Amino acid sequence: MKRLRGAFPGVVEIPQVQPYLDQLLRRVQAAAPQPPLPVRVAVMADASYNVVTDKYGIIHIPLGVLNDIDSEPELAAWLAHEYGHVMLKHLDGGQRALSRVMSGAVNVVRVRVGRQELNVFNGLGVQAAQEVWMNRLRPAWSRTQELDADTFALNVMRGMGFGHAASTKRFLGRIRALEASTAKQESNRGQPADEAKPAIRADDDHPTAEQRLDAIQAVLNAQPKAPPRAQVGQDGWQVIRAKPLFKDFLAEAKLVSELARTLPEGRPLGQGSCRTLKTLGVNAKTGTLAFASAVGVCAGGQAQVALLERVAKRPDAPFYTYVLLADGLRETRQYSAAIDLMSQALDRYDYPDYGLALALSFYRRCEEVLQTDSQGPALGMDSLRIQAKKIELGARCQLFAPDEADACEVAVMTDEQRRAKADKKEKMEREMADKLSRKFGG
């Protein structure tokens, strides 16, 4: 959770919503085989449409999903399915699901500071979220695992008294609609509809929602029908979903998704969105929007230290806030303070995979400017601290974040070394192309 809090799009703990989800998850666990396994719900501040569970047992639920789910039984079915992956040990076997998401986060939020271009968001909106979150996480489950989790959810729902199968079928129906929508988008872009890939399908081993519905029906045909218990009072989730506070968070999540969708494409935000962002400022309900406000996304201005310092004090502050602040201290030659701040950020977010390359790049920049300054005793000590951190983070990349190893290697290179690496790669590709051309006569 510490790592997740600092990543894009960020975790939000909405009063009334989070306690409700925690309680509903406990009811799911109580209806499942015992003893319960550790699991946690994290609400993500974006408007995408995908629920996933990472290797740590954290169920990620975007606000976009919560907005669409209109009943407590269907929400319980989503949670029961994801809890099934945990109970059935699908998360074992060295799967680095969260690591892959956070690896994508570096591509989502690239921060270039100082006099360089500042590009806050890059690559994650409603459409890109389907690629990053679905194609990197959900397809990790095989056909058998996904169908087993569906059956697990079906049995849990019966144990909770939610009836025969309506709620389980309901959430699979939503996934089917999403697949059909994605296939239509691919077809509209010129790809034949029969070749369009469903949004949550990465290979032939992952079942479509249609196949999952058929499998659920086969299970149902072999079981006696059980009518749902009579509902007493209002649906609990409908009451929560109608609250103004939830709607406020959802509106901000949509703005987060708009930022992520437009800025990477070089398109400016609409004037209305910019007015909203300016009005929300650093007091926005989501840390991601507060960060965007502090760095002046709409105005394209440079980060303002005072505003970033306010964002850094928030419990949902992004890791990138510290990167900008530390680089600002470095630029004013406050090297010791800058190094201390980066160390605090790494500690706060438990050395997140997505932050290792960014931190190494920061330490390289510090080292480069230190070499141009006079080497007094204090600066000499800072140089030693930087060297120690580079060694430590490099080892972490190799041992605990292999997906980030290449990024970490590039992060510590000088511009000259990067150019040399790129030239070497280009030369090798050219030689390979020449060999193929001579061999095949092309």
Protein backbone atom coordinates (compact mmCIF):
# COMPACT_ATOMS: atom_id res chain seq x y z
CA MET A 1 0.00 0.00 0.00
CA LYS A 2 2.88 2.38 0.73
CA ARG A 3 4.21 1.89 -2.79
CA LEU A 4 0.78 2.16 -4.32
CA ARG A 5 0.00 5.46 -2.61
CA GLY A 6 2.82 7.22 -4.42
CA ALA A 7 1.99 5.91 -7.89
CA PHE A 8 -0.32 7.13 -10.61
CA PRO A 9 -3.31 7.48 -10.46
CA GLY A 10 -3.14 7.25 -6.68
CA VAL A 11 -5.20 5.69 -3.91
CA VAL A 12 -8.13 7.59 -2.45
CA GLU A 13 -9.77 6.78 0.86
CA ILE A 14 -13.26 8.23 0.64
CA PRO A 15 -15.08 8.62 3.95
CA GLN A 16 -18.08 6.26 4.13
CA VAL A 17 -17.05 4.50 0.88
CA GLN A 18 -13.85 2.88 2.16
CA PRO A 19 -15.40 1.56 5.41
CA TYR A 20 -18.33 0.19 3.41
CA LEU A 21 -16.01 -1.65 0.99
CA ASP A 22 -13.93 -3.01 3.87
CA GLN A 23 -17.07 -4.32 5.57
CA LEU A 24 -18.40 -5.88 2.37
CA LEU A 25 -15.06 -7.58 1.78
CA ARG A 26 -15.19 -9.04 5.30
CA ARG A 27 -18.64 -10.45 4.50
CA VAL A 28 -17.20 -12.02 1.34
CA GLN A 29 -14.39 -13.55 3.38
CA ALA A 30 -16.83 -14.88 5.95
CA ALA A 31 -18.83 -16.68 3.23
CA ALA A 32 -15.66 -18.14 1.66
CA PRO A 33 -13.64 -21.14 2.84
CA GLN A 34 -11.82 -20.48 6.08
CA PRO A 35 -9.43 -19.30 7.38
CA PRO A 36 -9.51 -15.94 5.58
CA LEU A 37 -6.36 -14.77 3.80
CA PRO A 38 -4.98 -11.21 4.02
CA VAL A 39 -6.59 -8.96 1.42
CA ARG A 40 -7.27 -5.24 1.11
CA VAL A 41 -9.40 -2.98 -1.09
CA ALA A 42 -7.79 0.12 -2.59
CA VAL A 43 -9.91 2.65 -4.49
CA MET A 44 -7.96 4.16 -7.40
CA ALA A 45 -8.47 7.78 -8.44
CA ASP A 46 -9.22 7.22 -12.09
CA ALA A 47 -12.26 6.64 -14.25
CA SER A 48 -11.06 3.47 -15.99
CA TYR A 49 -13.05 0.25 -15.94
CA ASN A 50 -11.10 -2.61 -14.47
CA VAL A 51 -10.77 -4.38 -11.15
CA VAL A 52 -7.50 -6.22 -10.54
CA THR A 53 -5.70 -7.93 -7.68
CA ASP A 54 -1.94 -7.61 -7.33
CA LYS A 55 0.55 -10.06 -5.88
CA TYR A 56 0.21 -8.49 -2.43
CA GLY A 57 -3.50 -9.26 -2.21
CA ILE A 58 -4.59 -5.67 -2.82
CA ILE A 59 -7.78 -5.40 -4.87
CA HIS A 60 -7.59 -2.26 -7.04
CA ILE A 61 -11.02 -0.78 -7.78
CA PRO A 62 -11.11 2.34 -9.97
CA LEU A 63 -13.78 4.93 -9.27
CA GLY A 64 -15.06 4.38 -12.80
CA VAL A 65 -16.09 0.85 -11.88
CA LEU A 66 -17.68 1.93 -8.61
CA ASN A 67 -19.72 4.51 -10.47
CA ASP A 68 -21.14 1.94 -12.88
CA ILE A 69 -21.93 -0.81 -10.38
CA ASP A 70 -25.47 -0.11 -9.23
CA SER A 71 -26.13 -2.78 -6.59
CA GLU A 72 -24.50 -4.36 -3.57
CA PRO A 73 -24.80 -7.93 -4.93
CA GLU A 74 -22.87 -7.06 -8.11
CA LEU A 75 -20.17 -5.24 -6.13
CA ALA A 76 -19.87 -8.25 -3.84
CA ALA A 77 -19.50 -10.49 -6.91
CA TRP A 78 -16.55 -8.40 -8.16
CA LEU A 79 -14.89 -8.62 -4.76
CA ALA A 80 -15.61 -12.34 -4.46
CA HIS A 81 -14.04 -13.03 -7.86
CA GLU A 82 -10.86 -11.13 -7.01
CA TYR A 83 -10.70 -12.72 -3.55
CA GLY A 84 -11.00 -16.06 -5.33
CA HIS A 85 -7.68 -15.42 -7.07
CA VAL A 86 -6.11 -14.96 -3.63
CA MET A 87 -7.75 -18.00 -2.04
CA LEU A 88 -6.96 -20.24 -5.01
CA LYS A 89 -3.26 -19.26 -4.89
CA HIS A 90 -3.26 -17.70 -8.35
CA LEU A 91 -0.97 -14.98 -7.05
CA ASP A 92 1.82 -17.43 -6.27
CA GLY A 93 4.56 -18.44 -8.66
CA GLY A 94 6.58 -15.25 -8.81
CA GLN A 95 3.98 -13.11 -10.57
CA ARG A 96 5.09 -9.46 -10.48
CA ALA A 97 1.74 -7.89 -11.29
CA LEU A 98 2.16 -4.76 -9.20
CA SER A 99 5.73 -4.36 -10.41
CA ARG A 100 4.50 -4.29 -14.00
CA VAL A 101 1.87 -1.69 -13.21
CA MET A 102 4.39 0.51 -11.48
CA SER A 103 6.78 0.01 -14.37
CA GLY A 104 4.00 1.41 -16.51
CA ALA A 105 3.65 4.27 -14.04
CA VAL A 106 7.05 5.62 -15.07
CA ASN A 107 5.68 5.88 -18.59
CA VAL A 108 2.52 7.38 -17.15
CA VAL A 109 4.15 10.18 -15.19
CA ARG A 110 7.55 11.28 -16.48
CA VAL A 111 9.01 14.19 -14.62
CA ARG A 112 11.70 16.30 -16.17
CA VAL A 113 12.82 19.12 -13.91
CA GLY A 114 15.07 22.15 -13.88
CA ARG A 115 15.29 23.84 -17.23
CA GLN A 116 14.11 20.77 -19.10
CA GLU A 117 10.61 20.19 -20.41
CA LEU A 118 8.05 19.27 -17.74
CA ASN A 119 5.76 16.49 -18.86
CA VAL A 120 3.59 15.52 -15.93
CA PHE A 121 1.26 12.88 -17.32
CA ASN A 122 2.05 10.45 -20.09
CA GLY A 123 0.00 7.59 -21.30
CA LEU A 124 -2.83 6.62 -18.95
CA GLY A 125 -6.41 7.62 -19.63
CA VAL A 126 -9.62 5.70 -20.00
CA GLN A 127 -8.42 3.97 -23.16
CA ALA A 128 -4.76 3.56 -22.17
CA ALA A 129 -5.82 2.31 -18.75
CA GLN A 130 -7.41 -0.67 -20.45
CA GLU A 131 -4.03 -1.49 -22.01
CA VAL A 132 -1.89 -0.96 -18.91
CA TRP A 133 -4.18 -2.35 -16.25
CA MET A 134 -5.95 -5.05 -18.22
CA ASN A 135 -3.31 -6.28 -20.62
CA ARG A 136 -0.62 -6.28 -17.94
CA LEU A 137 -2.60 -7.67 -15.03
CA ARG A 138 -5.73 -9.59 -15.85
CA PRO A 139 -4.20 -11.67 -18.67
CA ALA A 140 -1.76 -13.08 -16.11
CA TRP A 141 -4.60 -15.43 -15.20
CA SER A 142 -4.92 -18.48 -17.39
CA ARG A 143 -8.22 -19.74 -18.75
CA THR A 144 -8.54 -22.26 -15.93
CA GLN A 145 -7.67 -19.72 -13.23
CA GLU A 146 -10.21 -17.18 -14.44
CA LEU A 147 -12.98 -19.75 -14.68
CA ASP A 148 -12.08 -21.18 -11.27
CA ALA A 149 -12.30 -17.67 -9.75
CA ASP A 150 -15.73 -17.23 -11.38
CA THR A 151 -16.95 -20.49 -9.84
CA PHE A 152 -15.49 -19.48 -6.49
CA ALA A 153 -17.39 -16.16 -6.68
CA LEU A 154 -20.59 -17.98 -7.59
CA ASN A 155 -20.37 -20.18 -4.50
CA VAL A 156 -19.51 -17.24 -2.24
CA MET A 157 -22.50 -15.28 -3.53
CA ARG A 158 -24.78 -18.19 -2.74
CA GLY A 159 -23.29 -18.31 0.76
CA MET A 160 -23.98 -14.60 1.22
CA GLY A 161 -27.64 -15.12 0.28
CA PHE A 162 -27.46 -13.13 -2.95
CA GLY A 163 -29.33 -15.71 -4.95
CA HIS A 164 -28.45 -18.15 -7.66
CA ALA A 165 -26.27 -16.31 -10.16
CA ALA A 166 -27.70 -12.94 -11.10
CA SER A 167 -24.95 -10.89 -9.48
CA THR A 168 -22.10 -13.01 -10.90
CA LYS A 169 -23.63 -12.88 -14.36
CA ARG A 170 -24.15 -9.15 -13.99
CA PHE A 171 -20.46 -8.33 -13.57
CA LEU A 172 -19.47 -10.71 -16.38
CA GLY A 173 -22.06 -8.99 -18.55
CA ARG A 174 -20.33 -5.67 -17.94
CA ILE A 175 -17.00 -7.16 -19.01
CA ARG A 176 -18.65 -8.56 -22.14
CA ALA A 177 -20.00 -5.11 -22.99
CA LEU A 178 -16.53 -3.63 -22.55
CA GLU A 179 -15.02 -6.26 -24.84
CA ALA A 180 -17.62 -5.53 -27.49
CA SER A 181 -16.97 -1.79 -27.21
CA THR A 182 -13.21 -2.28 -27.57
CA ALA A 183 -13.67 -4.57 -30.56
CA LYS A 184 -15.86 -1.92 -32.20
CA GLN A 185 -13.21 0.75 -31.59
CA GLU A 186 -10.57 -1.44 -33.20
CA SER A 187 -12.86 -2.06 -36.15
CA ASN A 188 -13.49 1.68 -36.56
CA ARG A 189 -9.73 2.22 -36.67
CA GLY A 190 -9.52 -0.06 -39.68
CA GLN A 191 -8.88 -3.39 -38.00
CA PRO A 192 -11.33 -6.12 -39.01
CA ALA A 193 -13.84 -6.80 -36.25
CA ASP A 194 -13.05 -10.53 -36.21
CA GLU A 195 -9.38 -9.70 -35.57
CA ALA A 196 -10.06 -7.11 -32.87
CA LYS A 197 -8.82 -8.24 -29.48
CA PRO A 198 -11.13 -7.99 -26.46
CA ALA A 199 -9.94 -5.45 -23.92
CA ILE A 200 -8.99 -7.99 -21.29
CA ARG A 201 -7.60 -10.63 -23.57
CA ALA A 202 -3.84 -10.82 -24.16
CA ASP A 203 -3.48 -14.35 -25.51
CA ASP A 204 -5.53 -17.31 -26.61
CA ASP A 205 -5.40 -18.83 -23.13
CA HIS A 206 -7.42 -16.06 -21.54
CA PRO A 207 -11.20 -16.59 -21.75
CA THR A 208 -13.58 -13.97 -23.07
CA ALA A 209 -16.53 -12.88 -20.98
CA GLU A 210 -18.81 -14.87 -23.30
CA GLN A 211 -16.85 -18.04 -22.58
CA ARG A 212 -16.92 -17.29 -18.86
CA LEU A 213 -20.69 -16.81 -18.92
CA ASP A 214 -21.09 -20.14 -20.71
CA ALA A 215 -18.89 -21.85 -18.11
CA ILE A 216 -20.89 -20.30 -15.25
CA GLN A 217 -24.13 -21.49 -16.83
CA ALA A 218 -22.72 -25.03 -17.04
CA VAL A 219 -21.94 -24.92 -13.31
CA LEU A 220 -25.42 -23.58 -12.57
CA ASN A 221 -27.10 -26.35 -14.54
CA ALA A 222 -25.50 -28.88 -12.21
CA GLN A 223 -26.63 -27.13 -9.04
CA PRO A 224 -30.03 -26.76 -7.38
CA LYS A 225 -31.51 -23.32 -7.75
CA ALA A 226 -31.50 -21.10 -4.67
CA PRO A 227 -33.74 -18.02 -4.61
CA PRO A 228 -32.22 -14.85 -3.13
CA ARG A 229 -33.11 -13.78 0.36
CA ALA A 230 -35.60 -10.96 0.60
CA GLN A 231 -33.83 -7.60 0.76
CA VAL A 232 -34.49 -5.58 3.88
CA GLY A 233 -34.35 -1.82 3.43
CA GLN A 234 -32.40 0.07 0.76
CA ASP A 235 -29.50 -1.41 -1.15
CA GLY A 236 -26.41 -0.42 0.86
CA TRP A 237 -24.26 0.40 -2.16
CA GLN A 238 -26.96 2.50 -3.82
CA VAL A 239 -27.12 4.64 -0.68
CA ILE A 240 -23.32 5.15 -0.63
CA ARG A 241 -23.12 5.80 -4.38
CA ALA A 242 -25.73 8.57 -4.20
CA LYS A 243 -23.80 10.61 -1.63
CA PRO A 244 -22.44 13.99 -2.84
CA LEU A 245 -18.93 13.23 -1.55
CA PHE A 246 -18.65 10.15 -3.75
CA LYS A 247 -19.79 12.17 -6.76
CA ASP A 248 -17.16 14.83 -6.00
CA PHE A 249 -14.40 12.23 -5.99
CA LEU A 250 -15.73 10.71 -9.21
CA ALA A 251 -15.73 14.11 -10.95
CA GLU A 252 -12.06 14.56 -10.03
CA ALA A 253 -11.23 11.04 -11.20
CA LYS A 254 -12.68 11.90 -14.61
CA LEU A 255 -10.45 14.98 -14.72
CA VAL A 256 -7.43 12.81 -13.86
CA SER A 257 -8.27 10.57 -16.81
CA GLU A 258 -8.71 13.58 -19.08
CA LEU A 259 -5.31 14.93 -18.09
CA ALA A 260 -3.71 11.60 -18.82
CA ARG A 261 -5.48 11.24 -22.14
CA THR A 262 -4.81 14.67 -23.61
CA LEU A 263 -1.38 15.80 -22.40
CA PRO A 264 0.64 12.89 -23.85
CA GLU A 265 -0.91 13.61 -27.23
CA GLY A 266 0.15 17.23 -27.05
CA ARG A 267 -3.42 18.44 -26.84
CA PRO A 268 -4.31 21.15 -24.32
CA LEU A 269 -7.00 20.62 -21.75
CA GLY A 270 -10.32 22.24 -22.41
CA GLN A 271 -10.89 25.65 -20.86
CA GLY A 272 -13.59 24.27 -18.60
CA SER A 273 -11.27 21.57 -17.28
CA CYS A 274 -8.52 24.10 -16.70
CA ARG A 275 -10.89 26.33 -14.74
CA THR A 276 -11.91 23.34 -12.64
CA LEU A 277 -8.29 22.36 -12.03
CA LYS A 278 -7.39 25.91 -11.06
CA THR A 279 -10.36 26.11 -8.70
CA LEU A 280 -9.48 22.80 -7.03
CA GLY A 281 -5.82 23.73 -6.73
CA VAL A 282 -3.66 21.85 -4.27
CA ASN A 283 -6.77 21.23 -2.17
CA ALA A 284 -8.09 18.76 -4.73
CA LYS A 285 -9.48 15.56 -3.26
CA THR A 286 -6.97 13.40 -5.15
CA GLY A 287 -3.22 13.76 -4.73
CA THR A 288 -2.68 13.37 -8.47
CA LEU A 289 -4.80 16.43 -9.23
CA ALA A 290 -3.20 18.38 -6.41
CA PHE A 291 0.19 17.62 -7.94
CA ALA A 292 -1.04 18.66 -11.41
CA SER A 293 -2.28 21.94 -9.96
CA ALA A 294 1.04 22.60 -8.20
CA VAL A 295 3.07 22.20 -11.37
CA GLY A 296 0.75 24.40 -13.44
CA VAL A 297 -0.37 21.84 -16.02
CA CYS A 298 -2.80 24.15 -17.79
CA ALA A 299 -0.50 27.16 -17.80
CA GLY A 300 2.52 25.03 -18.70
CA GLY A 301 4.47 26.81 -15.97
CA GLN A 302 7.27 25.51 -13.83
CA ALA A 303 6.66 23.85 -10.50
CA GLN A 304 6.14 26.18 -7.56
CA VAL A 305 8.09 25.00 -4.54
CA ALA A 306 5.64 26.31 -1.92
CA LEU A 307 2.70 24.54 -3.56
CA LEU A 308 4.64 21.32 -4.00
CA GLU A 309 5.61 21.41 -0.34
CA ARG A 310 1.91 21.59 0.53
CA VAL A 311 1.17 18.61 -1.72
CA ALA A 312 4.04 16.63 -0.17
CA LYS A 313 2.36 16.89 3.25
CA ARG A 314 -0.76 15.14 1.98
CA PRO A 315 -1.18 11.43 2.81
CA ASP A 316 -1.88 10.74 -0.89
CA ALA A 317 1.01 12.79 -2.29
CA PRO A 318 2.59 11.24 -5.42
CA PHE A 319 6.22 10.17 -5.33
CA TYR A 320 6.92 12.61 -8.17
CA THR A 321 6.23 15.54 -5.86
CA TYR A 322 9.41 14.69 -3.99
CA VAL A 323 11.37 14.27 -7.22
CA LEU A 324 10.52 17.83 -8.25
CA LEU A 325 11.21 19.25 -4.80
CA ALA A 326 14.53 17.45 -4.48
CA ASP A 327 15.60 18.65 -7.91
CA GLY A 328 14.66 22.20 -6.96
CA LEU A 329 16.95 22.00 -3.93
CA ARG A 330 19.70 20.55 -6.11
CA GLU A 331 19.43 23.44 -8.54
CA THR A 332 19.93 25.91 -5.71
CA ARG A 333 22.97 23.89 -4.55
CA GLN A 334 21.32 22.65 -1.38
CA TYR A 335 22.79 19.23 -2.01
CA SER A 336 22.53 17.75 1.48
CA ALA A 337 18.90 18.81 1.82
CA ALA A 338 18.10 17.46 -1.65
CA ILE A 339 19.68 14.08 -0.87
CA ASP A 340 17.85 13.91 2.47
CA LEU A 341 14.52 14.66 0.78
CA MET A 342 14.97 11.93 -1.83
CA SER A 343 15.87 9.46 0.91
CA GLN A 344 12.69 10.44 2.77
CA ALA A 345 10.63 9.83 -0.37
CA LEU A 346 12.13 6.38 -0.93
CA ASP A 347 11.46 5.48 2.70
CA ARG A 348 7.92 6.87 2.63
CA TYR A 349 6.94 4.75 -0.37
CA ASP A 350 8.99 1.69 0.59
CA TYR A 351 11.46 1.95 -2.30
CA PRO A 352 8.85 1.56 -5.06
CA ASP A 353 9.94 -0.13 -8.27
CA TYR A 354 8.68 2.77 -10.37
CA GLY A 355 10.79 5.23 -8.36
CA LEU A 356 14.17 3.50 -8.52
CA ALA A 357 15.17 4.77 -11.97
CA LEU A 358 13.87 8.27 -11.16
CA ALA A 359 15.92 8.34 -7.95
CA LEU A 360 19.06 7.08 -9.72
CA SER A 361 18.63 9.76 -12.38
CA PHE A 362 18.33 12.38 -9.62
CA TYR A 363 21.52 11.16 -7.92
CA ARG A 364 23.33 11.25 -11.27
CA ARG A 365 22.31 14.88 -11.78
CA CYS A 366 23.49 15.71 -8.26
CA GLU A 367 26.81 14.02 -8.96
CA GLU A 368 27.30 15.94 -12.22
CA VAL A 369 26.81 19.36 -10.61
CA LEU A 370 28.86 18.43 -7.55
CA GLN A 371 31.79 17.68 -9.82
CA THR A 372 31.71 21.24 -11.11
CA ASP A 373 31.65 22.77 -7.61
CA SER A 374 34.60 23.17 -5.31
CA GLN A 375 35.19 19.99 -3.35
CA GLY A 376 34.99 21.10 0.26
CA PRO A 377 34.53 18.63 3.13
CA ALA A 378 30.72 18.92 3.05
CA LEU A 379 30.51 18.36 -0.69
CA GLY A 380 32.89 15.45 -0.42
CA MET A 381 30.57 13.82 2.13
CA ASP A 382 27.58 14.41 -0.15
CA SER A 383 29.48 12.71 -2.98
CA LEU A 384 30.06 9.67 -0.78
CA ARG A 385 26.36 9.54 0.14
CA ILE A 386 25.40 9.72 -3.52
CA GLN A 387 27.76 6.89 -4.41
CA ALA A 388 26.35 4.75 -1.60
CA LYS A 389 22.77 5.42 -2.74
CA LYS A 390 23.59 4.62 -6.36
CA ILE A 391 25.08 1.28 -5.33
CA GLU A 392 22.11 0.49 -3.07
CA LEU A 393 19.46 1.39 -5.65
CA GLY A 394 21.32 -0.38 -8.44
CA ALA A 395 21.34 -3.56 -6.35
CA ARG A 396 17.62 -3.18 -5.59
CA CYS A 397 16.88 -2.88 -9.30
CA GLN A 398 18.78 -6.06 -10.11
CA LEU A 399 17.50 -8.13 -7.18
CA PHE A 400 13.95 -6.94 -6.56
CA ALA A 401 12.83 -5.02 -9.66
CA PRO A 402 14.20 -6.81 -12.73
CA ASP A 403 11.53 -5.16 -14.89
CA GLU A 404 13.22 -1.84 -14.07
CA ALA A 405 16.82 -3.02 -14.55
CA ASP A 406 17.23 -1.47 -18.02
CA ALA A 407 15.70 1.83 -16.91
CA CYS A 408 18.02 1.88 -13.90
CA GLU A 409 21.03 1.23 -16.10
CA VAL A 410 20.15 4.12 -18.40
CA ALA A 411 19.36 6.42 -15.45
CA VAL A 412 22.95 6.45 -14.21
CA MET A 413 24.44 7.12 -17.65
CA THR A 414 25.71 10.51 -18.76
CA ASP A 415 24.36 12.04 -21.97
CA GLU A 416 27.53 10.93 -23.75
CA GLN A 417 27.13 7.35 -22.52
CA ARG A 418 23.49 7.31 -23.63
CA ARG A 419 24.45 8.49 -27.10
CA ALA A 420 27.14 5.84 -27.29
CA LYS A 421 24.65 3.15 -26.22
CA ALA A 422 22.12 4.33 -28.79
CA ASP A 423 24.78 4.42 -31.54
CA LYS A 424 25.91 0.90 -30.62
CA LYS A 425 22.35 -0.39 -30.75
CA GLU A 426 21.72 1.31 -34.09
CA LYS A 427 24.94 -0.17 -35.49
CA MET A 428 23.98 -3.67 -34.37
CA GLU A 429 20.51 -3.33 -35.91
CA ARG A 430 22.01 -2.07 -39.15
CA GLU A 431 24.48 -4.97 -39.29
CA MET A 432 21.70 -7.46 -38.62
CA ALA A 433 19.58 -5.93 -41.37
CA ASP A 434 22.53 -6.17 -43.80
CA LYS A 435 23.07 -9.83 -42.93
CA LEU A 436 19.42 -10.64 -43.49
CA SER A 437 19.43 -8.72 -46.73
CA ARG A 438 22.47 -10.63 -48.03
CA LYS A 439 21.04 -13.96 -46.89
CA PHE A 440 17.61 -13.55 -48.38
CA GLY A 441 18.55 -11.26 -51.24
CA GLY A 442 16.18 -8.50 -50.10
